[in-house]
Amino acid sequence: MKKVVALLRDYFGVSQQEARGMFVLLLFTGLLLLLPVAYRLFVPDQVPDTSEADRRQLDSLVALLEVDKTVSEDRDANRPGRYEPAVASEKAERFAFNPNAIDAGSWQRLGAPRWLAERIVRYRSKGGRFRQKEDLLKIYDFSPEFYAELEPYIQLAAESRADKPYEHRERYARKKDLGDKPYPSGRPTYSGERLAKPVLQPFDINTADTTDLIKLRGIGSKLAGRIIKFRDGLGGFVSADQYAEVFGLDSLALEELNKYGRVLSPVKKLAINTATAEELDRHVYLSKRQAEIIVNYRAQHGPFVSPESLRTIRVLDAKTIERLKPYLEF
């Protein structure tokens, strides 16, 4: 015991009395750890005597639990949120179909669950259209595995005027924005039995307004306003690749923007060494916390001299700094 106390005293650098207290505490802890082992060794296990009535009651409870488990599994299997075919894969039919035309029953024949088939039909009834095969994946809970099975059978026909129930609304909005004139240069010329359609021309995306944007296919007044708001939050587009960052643009709208939207005007620069936290926070690529940290760091360490000097701020990763480069003024 004395050797152990001396060892504790020398190792921990404590007094003789404190070393004795540590020894007693360690000894007591060891006894507590050994107590369950000793109890299992010396005290035999006692099996409680269960009467016949108690056994029957326990058996009935087990049976009820098994029934509840089966019901719960069936409920989970039918719950929306994952792809479960309505019929077995070997019974599911495979045939060429147009997702813009078939009804809920045909979707179920293809193997879609009933809730997914009804969701697709509701999406179409509200004006939604599938312009490309990949647009099916925009339906919530449409499984990529299910899409891979159906993709060879999807056939999208060219859209006619009857396939665009809301086209008249877009034409009315354009006419109203142009001062009740459906065409900027007056009425179209008459040639034979057909009217010549106005030809769209490329425009500067950094000076365009909503009137220019809603002329493009797939872009209405709401989406046009969202594009303008995103552009103003940036200070202007520096590349057409940034169009894809606007929320809600589908493949058709992106194709039209890339075709007609040109980056011709310079962007609005952000004075990184004089801007306030509120001004920095208005930029799309910066959050409120990042803006505050930039201002505080600048106040403590002095002005920034180049984009590389921002790398010392940990909340700004390399990707964010690279995206901010065209907008910074030092």
Protein backbone atom coordinates (compact mmCIF):
# COMPACT_ATOMS: atom_id res chain seq x y z
CA MET A 1 0.00 0.00 0.00
CA LYS A 2 2.83 2.41 0.92
CA LYS A 3 4.52 1.78 -2.42
CA VAL A 4 1.33 2.53 -4.32
CA VAL A 5 0.76 5.74 -2.33
CA ALA A 6 4.35 6.83 -2.98
CA LEU A 7 3.95 6.07 -6.68
CA LEU A 8 0.77 8.18 -6.87
CA ARG A 9 2.42 11.02 -4.97
CA ASP A 10 5.46 11.10 -7.25
CA TYR A 11 3.52 10.66 -10.50
CA PHE A 12 0.84 13.29 -9.88
CA GLY A 13 2.97 15.64 -7.73
CA VAL A 14 0.51 15.69 -4.80
CA SER A 15 0.97 15.54 -1.05
CA GLN A 16 1.08 12.33 1.01
CA GLN A 17 -2.45 12.85 2.30
CA GLU A 18 -3.84 13.52 -1.17
CA ALA A 19 -2.11 10.39 -2.50
CA ARG A 20 -3.78 8.29 0.25
CA GLY A 21 -7.17 9.74 -0.69
CA MET A 22 -6.59 8.88 -4.35
CA PHE A 23 -5.62 5.32 -3.40
CA VAL A 24 -8.82 4.85 -1.36
CA LEU A 25 -10.92 6.28 -4.19
CA LEU A 26 -9.32 3.94 -6.75
CA LEU A 27 -9.82 0.98 -4.46
CA PHE A 28 -13.49 1.84 -3.92
CA THR A 29 -14.03 2.28 -7.68
CA GLY A 30 -12.49 -1.13 -8.39
CA LEU A 31 -14.80 -2.77 -5.85
CA LEU A 32 -17.83 -1.19 -7.49
CA LEU A 33 -16.74 -2.48 -10.91
CA LEU A 34 -16.25 -6.01 -9.57
CA LEU A 35 -19.55 -6.09 -7.67
CA PRO A 36 -21.79 -7.04 -10.68
CA VAL A 37 -19.37 -9.81 -11.67
CA ALA A 38 -19.36 -11.22 -8.16
CA TYR A 39 -23.15 -11.00 -7.99
CA ARG A 40 -23.55 -13.06 -11.17
CA LEU A 41 -21.04 -15.64 -9.90
CA PHE A 42 -22.55 -16.22 -6.47
CA VAL A 43 -26.24 -15.49 -6.93
CA PRO A 44 -27.97 -18.05 -9.19
CA ASP A 45 -30.50 -16.92 -11.77
CA GLN A 46 -34.07 -17.46 -10.67
CA VAL A 47 -36.65 -18.22 -13.31
CA PRO A 48 -40.02 -16.85 -12.19
CA ASP A 49 -42.82 -19.35 -12.08
CA THR A 50 -45.42 -18.37 -14.69
CA SER A 51 -48.87 -19.76 -14.31
CA GLU A 52 -50.86 -21.13 -17.26
CA ALA A 53 -53.15 -18.06 -17.28
CA ASP A 54 -50.17 -15.70 -17.39
CA ARG A 55 -48.64 -17.67 -20.29
CA ARG A 56 -51.88 -17.47 -22.29
CA GLN A 57 -52.03 -13.71 -21.67
CA LEU A 58 -48.42 -13.27 -22.78
CA ASP A 59 -49.07 -15.32 -25.94
CA SER A 60 -52.06 -13.13 -26.82
CA LEU A 61 -49.96 -9.96 -26.36
CA VAL A 62 -47.25 -11.35 -28.65
CA ALA A 63 -49.86 -12.13 -31.30
CA LEU A 64 -51.24 -8.57 -31.08
CA LEU A 65 -47.74 -7.13 -31.46
CA GLU A 66 -47.15 -9.23 -34.58
CA VAL A 67 -50.44 -8.02 -36.11
CA ASP A 68 -49.53 -4.38 -35.35
CA LYS A 69 -46.12 -4.90 -36.96
CA THR A 70 -47.70 -6.32 -40.13
CA VAL A 71 -50.16 -3.41 -40.39
CA SER A 72 -47.35 -0.90 -39.84
CA GLU A 73 -45.23 -2.51 -42.58
CA ASP A 74 -48.19 -2.42 -45.01
CA ARG A 75 -48.79 1.25 -44.18
CA ASP A 76 -45.13 2.11 -44.76
CA ALA A 77 -45.14 0.25 -48.06
CA ASN A 78 -48.08 2.32 -49.34
CA ARG A 79 -46.84 5.64 -47.98
CA PRO A 80 -45.72 8.20 -50.61
CA GLY A 81 -42.07 9.13 -50.50
CA ARG A 82 -40.37 6.22 -52.21
CA TYR A 83 -40.76 4.28 -55.44
CA GLU A 84 -42.85 1.14 -54.98
CA PRO A 85 -44.31 -0.21 -58.26
CA ALA A 86 -48.08 -0.64 -58.25
CA VAL A 87 -47.64 -4.09 -59.83
CA ALA A 88 -44.81 -6.58 -59.89
CA SER A 89 -42.03 -5.68 -62.31
CA GLU A 90 -42.73 -8.77 -64.44
CA LYS A 91 -46.41 -7.71 -64.75
CA ALA A 92 -45.76 -4.02 -65.50
CA GLU A 93 -46.43 -3.17 -69.12
CA ARG A 94 -43.93 -1.39 -71.32
CA PHE A 95 -45.26 0.55 -74.28
CA ALA A 96 -44.47 3.80 -76.08
CA PHE A 97 -46.26 6.73 -74.44
CA ASN A 98 -46.42 10.53 -74.34
CA PRO A 99 -46.22 11.72 -70.69
CA ASN A 100 -48.22 14.82 -71.66
CA ALA A 101 -51.18 12.74 -72.84
CA ILE A 102 -51.68 9.50 -70.88
CA ASP A 103 -54.02 9.27 -67.89
CA ALA A 104 -53.45 7.96 -64.37
CA GLY A 105 -54.57 4.43 -65.32
CA SER A 106 -51.93 4.20 -68.04
CA TRP A 107 -49.25 5.37 -65.59
CA GLN A 108 -50.28 2.56 -63.23
CA ARG A 109 -50.08 0.06 -66.08
CA LEU A 110 -46.49 1.22 -66.57
CA GLY A 111 -45.79 0.37 -62.93
CA ALA A 112 -46.22 3.75 -61.23
CA PRO A 113 -47.88 3.78 -57.79
CA ARG A 114 -51.35 5.28 -57.71
CA TRP A 115 -50.25 8.35 -55.71
CA LEU A 116 -47.46 9.10 -58.23
CA ALA A 117 -49.81 8.69 -61.20
CA GLU A 118 -52.32 11.11 -59.64
CA ARG A 119 -49.55 13.59 -58.85
CA ILE A 120 -48.40 13.64 -62.48
CA VAL A 121 -51.97 14.17 -63.73
CA ARG A 122 -52.49 17.04 -61.24
CA TYR A 123 -49.23 18.64 -62.41
CA ARG A 124 -50.47 18.57 -66.03
CA SER A 125 -53.93 19.87 -65.08
CA LYS A 126 -52.29 23.01 -63.64
CA GLY A 127 -50.50 23.75 -66.92
CA GLY A 128 -47.31 21.76 -66.38
CA ARG A 129 -45.69 20.31 -69.50
CA PHE A 130 -42.87 17.83 -70.12
CA ARG A 131 -40.76 19.34 -72.89
CA GLN A 132 -37.84 16.94 -72.44
CA LYS A 133 -37.70 13.42 -71.10
CA GLU A 134 -35.62 14.54 -68.10
CA ASP A 135 -38.44 16.89 -67.01
CA LEU A 136 -40.20 13.86 -65.48
CA LEU A 137 -37.58 13.87 -62.73
CA LYS A 138 -38.92 17.25 -61.59
CA ILE A 139 -42.01 15.46 -60.26
CA TYR A 140 -41.55 15.05 -56.51
CA ASP A 141 -40.56 11.45 -55.58
CA PHE A 142 -40.24 10.32 -59.22
CA SER A 143 -37.49 7.73 -58.78
CA PRO A 144 -34.43 7.86 -61.09
CA GLU A 145 -34.59 4.04 -61.24
CA PHE A 146 -38.19 4.17 -62.47
CA TYR A 147 -37.24 6.87 -64.98
CA ALA A 148 -34.37 4.71 -66.31
CA GLU A 149 -36.86 1.88 -66.96
CA LEU A 150 -39.31 4.15 -68.81
CA GLU A 151 -36.85 6.39 -70.71
CA PRO A 152 -36.62 4.21 -73.88
CA TYR A 153 -40.43 4.26 -74.22
CA ILE A 154 -41.01 8.01 -73.77
CA GLN A 155 -42.13 9.80 -76.92
CA LEU A 156 -42.60 13.56 -76.85
CA ALA A 157 -44.55 14.93 -79.80
CA ALA A 158 -43.99 18.45 -81.12
CA GLU A 159 -46.30 20.82 -79.21
CA SER A 160 -49.16 22.35 -81.15
CA ARG A 161 -51.13 25.44 -80.23
CA ALA A 162 -53.74 23.23 -78.53
CA ASP A 163 -51.02 21.89 -76.22
CA LYS A 164 -50.42 25.40 -74.81
CA PRO A 165 -53.57 26.35 -72.86
CA TYR A 166 -51.95 29.43 -71.31
CA GLU A 167 -50.31 30.85 -74.45
CA HIS A 168 -53.05 33.48 -74.86
CA ARG A 169 -52.21 34.88 -71.43
CA GLU A 170 -48.56 35.34 -72.39
CA ARG A 171 -49.55 37.09 -75.63
CA TYR A 172 -51.89 39.41 -73.72
CA ALA A 173 -49.16 40.29 -71.19
CA ARG A 174 -46.70 41.06 -73.99
CA LYS A 175 -49.25 43.20 -75.80
CA LYS A 176 -49.98 45.15 -72.63
CA ASP A 177 -46.29 45.77 -71.92
CA LEU A 178 -45.81 47.12 -75.46
CA GLY A 179 -48.56 49.73 -75.08
CA ASP A 180 -51.42 47.61 -76.51
CA LYS A 181 -49.32 46.94 -79.63
CA PRO A 182 -48.74 43.22 -80.19
CA TYR A 183 -45.57 43.97 -82.18
CA PRO A 184 -42.92 46.64 -81.47
CA SER A 185 -42.78 47.82 -85.08
CA GLY A 186 -46.54 47.95 -85.69
CA ARG A 187 -48.67 45.32 -87.39
CA PRO A 188 -46.94 42.41 -89.16
CA THR A 189 -46.69 42.45 -92.94
CA TYR A 190 -49.23 40.43 -94.89
CA SER A 191 -47.74 38.00 -97.38
CA GLY A 192 -50.10 35.77 -99.30
CA GLU A 193 -52.35 34.05 -96.75
CA ARG A 194 -49.97 34.13 -93.79
CA LEU A 195 -48.76 36.82 -91.42
CA ALA A 196 -45.01 37.18 -91.01
CA LYS A 197 -43.96 36.60 -87.38
CA PRO A 198 -41.62 39.12 -85.77
CA VAL A 199 -38.04 37.85 -85.62
CA LEU A 200 -36.41 37.89 -82.18
CA GLN A 201 -33.02 39.57 -82.01
CA PRO A 202 -30.26 38.99 -79.44
CA PHE A 203 -30.24 41.57 -76.63
CA ASP A 204 -27.98 42.73 -73.81
CA ILE A 205 -28.99 40.75 -70.73
CA ASN A 206 -27.54 43.39 -68.38
CA THR A 207 -29.77 46.18 -69.73
CA ALA A 208 -32.86 44.15 -70.66
CA ASP A 209 -36.16 44.52 -68.82
CA THR A 210 -39.04 42.10 -68.30
CA THR A 211 -40.56 43.10 -71.64
CA ASP A 212 -37.53 41.68 -73.47
CA LEU A 213 -37.47 38.50 -71.40
CA ILE A 214 -41.14 37.48 -71.70
CA LYS A 215 -40.75 37.36 -75.47
CA LEU A 216 -38.70 34.19 -74.99
CA ARG A 217 -40.38 30.81 -74.87
CA GLY A 218 -40.76 29.32 -71.40
CA ILE A 219 -40.41 32.68 -69.61
CA GLY A 220 -43.46 34.48 -68.23
CA SER A 221 -43.75 37.70 -66.28
CA LYS A 222 -43.02 36.06 -62.89
CA LEU A 223 -39.89 34.27 -64.11
CA ALA A 224 -38.73 37.39 -65.96
CA GLY A 225 -38.97 39.40 -62.74
CA ARG A 226 -36.96 36.72 -60.92
CA ILE A 227 -34.19 36.91 -63.55
CA ILE A 228 -34.02 40.71 -63.29
CA LYS A 229 -33.91 40.55 -59.47
CA PHE A 230 -31.08 38.00 -59.55
CA ARG A 231 -29.16 40.10 -62.09
CA ASP A 232 -29.50 43.27 -60.00
CA GLY A 233 -28.41 41.37 -56.89
CA LEU A 234 -25.26 40.30 -58.74
CA GLY A 235 -24.58 43.68 -60.26
CA GLY A 236 -24.89 42.15 -63.73
CA PHE A 237 -24.04 38.86 -65.43
CA VAL A 238 -20.43 38.22 -66.39
CA SER A 239 -21.09 34.92 -68.14
CA ALA A 240 -24.03 33.06 -69.67
CA ASP A 241 -23.17 30.16 -67.34
CA GLN A 242 -24.75 32.17 -64.51
CA TYR A 243 -28.22 31.83 -66.07
CA ALA A 244 -28.46 28.33 -64.60
CA GLU A 245 -28.14 29.81 -61.08
CA VAL A 246 -31.56 31.49 -61.38
CA PHE A 247 -34.11 29.40 -59.50
CA GLY A 248 -36.96 27.90 -61.54
CA LEU A 249 -35.49 27.98 -65.06
CA ASP A 250 -36.24 24.80 -67.00
CA SER A 251 -34.33 23.48 -70.00
CA LEU A 252 -36.41 25.47 -72.52
CA ALA A 253 -35.96 28.80 -70.72
CA LEU A 254 -32.19 28.22 -70.38
CA GLU A 255 -31.93 27.37 -74.07
CA GLU A 256 -33.73 30.58 -75.02
CA LEU A 257 -31.60 32.73 -72.67
CA ASN A 258 -28.38 31.25 -74.01
CA LYS A 259 -29.58 31.86 -77.56
CA TYR A 260 -30.71 35.48 -77.24
CA GLY A 261 -29.19 36.83 -74.01
CA ARG A 262 -25.79 38.42 -74.61
CA VAL A 263 -23.40 39.72 -71.94
CA LEU A 264 -22.43 43.05 -73.47
CA SER A 265 -22.47 45.64 -70.66
CA PRO A 266 -19.95 45.71 -67.78
CA VAL A 267 -21.06 44.71 -64.30
CA LYS A 268 -21.47 47.01 -61.31
CA LYS A 269 -18.39 46.80 -59.08
CA LEU A 270 -18.51 46.36 -55.31
CA ALA A 271 -16.06 48.56 -53.35
CA ILE A 272 -14.82 45.92 -50.93
CA ASN A 273 -12.78 48.40 -48.82
CA THR A 274 -15.55 50.97 -48.28
CA ALA A 275 -18.82 49.03 -48.53
CA THR A 276 -20.86 48.52 -45.37
CA ALA A 277 -22.05 45.13 -44.14
CA GLU A 278 -25.55 45.92 -45.44
CA GLU A 279 -24.21 46.71 -48.92
CA LEU A 280 -22.14 43.53 -49.01
CA ASP A 281 -25.09 41.48 -47.79
CA ARG A 282 -27.16 42.59 -50.80
CA HIS A 283 -24.83 40.72 -53.15
CA VAL A 284 -26.14 37.32 -54.20
CA TYR A 285 -22.87 35.50 -53.45
CA LEU A 286 -22.51 36.79 -49.86
CA SER A 287 -24.51 35.98 -46.74
CA LYS A 288 -25.15 38.38 -43.88
CA ARG A 289 -22.64 36.60 -41.62
CA GLN A 290 -19.93 36.66 -44.30
CA ALA A 291 -20.54 40.38 -44.92
CA GLU A 292 -20.18 41.21 -41.22
CA ILE A 293 -16.98 39.17 -40.88
CA ILE A 294 -15.45 40.90 -43.93
CA VAL A 295 -16.17 44.34 -42.46
CA ASN A 296 -14.81 43.37 -39.02
CA TYR A 297 -11.66 41.83 -40.53
CA ARG A 298 -11.11 44.93 -42.64
CA ALA A 299 -11.42 47.19 -39.56
CA GLN A 300 -8.83 45.13 -37.65
CA HIS A 301 -6.29 44.38 -40.40
CA GLY A 302 -6.68 47.21 -42.86
CA PRO A 303 -7.95 47.34 -46.47
CA PHE A 304 -7.78 44.41 -48.88
CA VAL A 305 -5.35 44.75 -51.79
CA SER A 306 -6.43 41.85 -54.03
CA PRO A 307 -8.86 38.93 -54.15
CA GLU A 308 -6.09 36.71 -52.76
CA SER A 309 -6.06 38.73 -49.54
CA LEU A 310 -9.60 37.51 -48.88
CA ARG A 311 -8.36 33.93 -48.55
CA THR A 312 -7.34 34.61 -44.93
CA ILE A 313 -11.03 34.91 -44.03
CA ARG A 314 -12.08 31.37 -43.19
CA VAL A 315 -15.79 31.80 -43.96
CA LEU A 316 -14.91 32.54 -47.61
CA ASP A 317 -13.93 29.42 -49.51
CA ALA A 318 -11.97 29.43 -52.76
CA LYS A 319 -15.11 28.93 -54.88
CA THR A 320 -16.88 31.95 -53.36
CA ILE A 321 -13.82 34.18 -53.85
CA GLU A 322 -13.48 33.04 -57.47
CA ARG A 323 -17.15 33.90 -58.15
CA LEU A 324 -16.74 37.32 -56.48
CA LYS A 325 -13.60 38.33 -58.39
CA PRO A 326 -15.34 40.05 -61.35
CA TYR A 327 -17.46 42.13 -58.95
CA LEU A 328 -14.77 43.40 -56.56
CA GLU A 329 -13.13 46.80 -56.71
CA PHE A 330 -10.01 47.45 -54.60
